[in-house]
Amino acid sequence: MNEKQKEFVRAVELMDLPNCLSFSRAFTQFAESELPQQIHEGMVKKYLGAKLVGHISRDSTPKLKNYFRSGSLCQCAHASP
């Protein structure tokens, strides 16, 4: 173990980290409270109000289908070194 790794281990040991059970319980309560969703909704209402926001999602599936159909992947996988 190098010096940086030893420093990291020492730093982690000094931290007061919860055990897995406590963390899991706290995370469950946090998720059930829906706090992030409430914050997001409040920020959208405050900063955007009635403005319409658009977003374009492009699907790359057709491009991948063409790639696999062309045999490019197969040719690479079966190429001899």
C-alpha atoms as a PDB file:
ATOM      1  CA  MET A   1       0.000   0.000   0.000  1.00  0.00           C
ATOM      2  CA  ASN A   2       1.488   3.322  -1.038  1.00  0.00           C
ATOM      3  CA  GLU A   3       1.528   6.484   1.102  1.00  0.00           C
ATOM      4  CA  LYS A   4      -1.524   8.052  -0.579  1.00  0.00           C
ATOM      5  CA  GLN A   5      -3.572   4.917   0.049  1.00  0.00           C
ATOM      6  CA  LYS A   6      -2.498   4.884   3.695  1.00  0.00           C
ATOM      7  CA  GLU A   7      -3.542   8.537   4.077  1.00  0.00           C
ATOM      8  CA  PHE A   8      -6.921   7.731   2.546  1.00  0.00           C
ATOM      9  CA  VAL A   9      -7.478   4.786   4.892  1.00  0.00           C
ATOM     10  CA  ARG A  10      -6.575   6.971   7.897  1.00  0.00           C
ATOM     11  CA  ALA A  11      -8.982   9.684   6.759  1.00  0.00           C
ATOM     12  CA  VAL A  12     -11.818   7.196   6.308  1.00  0.00           C
ATOM     13  CA  GLU A  13     -11.155   5.645   9.714  1.00  0.00           C
ATOM     14  CA  LEU A  14     -11.446   9.090  11.333  1.00  0.00           C
ATOM     15  CA  MET A  15     -14.820   9.747   9.696  1.00  0.00           C
ATOM     16  CA  ASP A  16     -17.944   8.900  11.642  1.00  0.00           C
ATOM     17  CA  LEU A  17     -19.672   6.867   8.937  1.00  0.00           C
ATOM     18  CA  PRO A  18     -22.997   5.130   9.622  1.00  0.00           C
ATOM     19  CA  ASN A  19     -23.220   1.381   9.257  1.00  0.00           C
ATOM     20  CA  CYS A  20     -25.064  -0.106   6.291  1.00  0.00           C
ATOM     21  CA  LEU A  21     -28.318  -0.651   8.185  1.00  0.00           C
ATOM     22  CA  SER A  22     -28.467   2.953   9.417  1.00  0.00           C
ATOM     23  CA  PHE A  23     -27.623   4.283   5.970  1.00  0.00           C
ATOM     24  CA  SER A  24     -30.229   2.081   4.311  1.00  0.00           C
ATOM     25  CA  ARG A  25     -32.914   3.185   6.761  1.00  0.00           C
ATOM     26  CA  ALA A  26     -32.041   6.868   6.341  1.00  0.00           C
ATOM     27  CA  PHE A  27     -31.995   6.545   2.566  1.00  0.00           C
ATOM     28  CA  THR A  28     -35.410   4.852   2.607  1.00  0.00           C
ATOM     29  CA  GLN A  29     -36.852   7.684   4.712  1.00  0.00           C
ATOM     30  CA  PHE A  30     -35.278  10.247   2.393  1.00  0.00           C
ATOM     31  CA  ALA A  31     -36.728   8.535  -0.692  1.00  0.00           C
ATOM     32  CA  GLU A  32     -40.187   8.192   0.855  1.00  0.00           C
ATOM     33  CA  SER A  33     -40.258  11.869   1.836  1.00  0.00           C
ATOM     34  CA  GLU A  34     -39.991  12.788  -1.877  1.00  0.00           C
ATOM     35  CA  LEU A  35     -37.960  15.830  -0.837  1.00  0.00           C
ATOM     36  CA  PRO A  36     -35.954  16.033  -4.101  1.00  0.00           C
ATOM     37  CA  GLN A  37     -39.177  15.995  -6.133  1.00  0.00           C
ATOM     38  CA  GLN A  38     -40.663  18.735  -3.966  1.00  0.00           C
ATOM     39  CA  ILE A  39     -37.533  20.868  -4.309  1.00  0.00           C
ATOM     40  CA  HIS A  40     -37.506  20.350  -8.082  1.00  0.00           C
ATOM     41  CA  GLU A  41     -41.179  21.292  -8.374  1.00  0.00           C
ATOM     42  CA  GLY A  42     -40.648  24.434  -6.274  1.00  0.00           C
ATOM     43  CA  MET A  43     -37.644  25.529  -8.333  1.00  0.00           C
ATOM     44  CA  VAL A  44     -39.490  24.996 -11.614  1.00  0.00           C
ATOM     45  CA  LYS A  45     -42.458  27.025 -10.372  1.00  0.00           C
ATOM     46  CA  LYS A  46     -40.232  29.794  -9.021  1.00  0.00           C
ATOM     47  CA  TYR A  47     -37.830  30.179 -11.929  1.00  0.00           C
ATOM     48  CA  LEU A  48     -39.837  29.029 -14.950  1.00  0.00           C
ATOM     49  CA  GLY A  49     -43.461  29.574 -13.971  1.00  0.00           C
ATOM     50  CA  ALA A  50     -45.666  29.079 -17.023  1.00  0.00           C
ATOM     51  CA  LYS A  51     -42.804  29.026 -19.553  1.00  0.00           C
ATOM     52  CA  LEU A  52     -42.677  26.058 -21.874  1.00  0.00           C
ATOM     53  CA  VAL A  53     -39.396  24.166 -21.990  1.00  0.00           C
ATOM     54  CA  GLY A  54     -38.647  21.869 -24.897  1.00  0.00           C
ATOM     55  CA  HIS A  55     -36.268  18.970 -25.149  1.00  0.00           C
ATOM     56  CA  ILE A  56     -35.379  16.779 -28.101  1.00  0.00           C
ATOM     57  CA  SER A  57     -34.377  13.183 -27.485  1.00  0.00           C
ATOM     58  CA  ARG A  58     -32.803  11.312 -30.333  1.00  0.00           C
ATOM     59  CA  ASP A  59     -32.832   7.555 -30.440  1.00  0.00           C
ATOM     60  CA  SER A  60     -29.628   5.961 -31.723  1.00  0.00           C
ATOM     61  CA  THR A  61     -31.191   2.500 -32.106  1.00  0.00           C
ATOM     62  CA  PRO A  62     -31.516   2.671 -35.928  1.00  0.00           C
ATOM     63  CA  LYS A  63     -27.840   3.595 -36.206  1.00  0.00           C
ATOM     64  CA  LEU A  64     -26.858   0.658 -33.989  1.00  0.00           C
ATOM     65  CA  LYS A  65     -29.055  -1.715 -36.015  1.00  0.00           C
ATOM     66  CA  ASN A  66     -27.290  -0.613 -39.207  1.00  0.00           C
ATOM     67  CA  TYR A  67     -23.924  -1.079 -37.522  1.00  0.00           C
ATOM     68  CA  PHE A  68     -24.743  -4.629 -36.474  1.00  0.00           C
ATOM     69  CA  ARG A  69     -26.342  -5.449 -39.844  1.00  0.00           C
ATOM     70  CA  SER A  70     -23.256  -4.269 -41.702  1.00  0.00           C
ATOM     71  CA  GLY A  71     -21.202  -6.906 -39.924  1.00  0.00           C
ATOM     72  CA  SER A  72     -18.658  -4.373 -38.700  1.00  0.00           C
ATOM     73  CA  LEU A  73     -18.804  -5.720 -35.170  1.00  0.00           C
ATOM     74  CA  CYS A  74     -18.605  -9.347 -36.298  1.00  0.00           C
ATOM     75  CA  GLN A  75     -15.680  -8.631 -38.594  1.00  0.00           C
ATOM     76  CA  CYS A  76     -13.788  -6.998 -35.743  1.00  0.00           C
ATOM     77  CA  ALA A  77     -14.571  -9.801 -33.319  1.00  0.00           C
ATOM     78  CA  HIS A  78     -13.473 -12.531 -35.719  1.00  0.00           C
ATOM     79  CA  ALA A  79     -10.455 -10.755 -37.159  1.00  0.00           C
ATOM     80  CA  SER A  80      -7.231 -12.630 -36.669  1.00  0.00           C
ATOM     81  CA  PRO A  81      -4.462 -10.800 -34.823  1.00  0.00           C
END
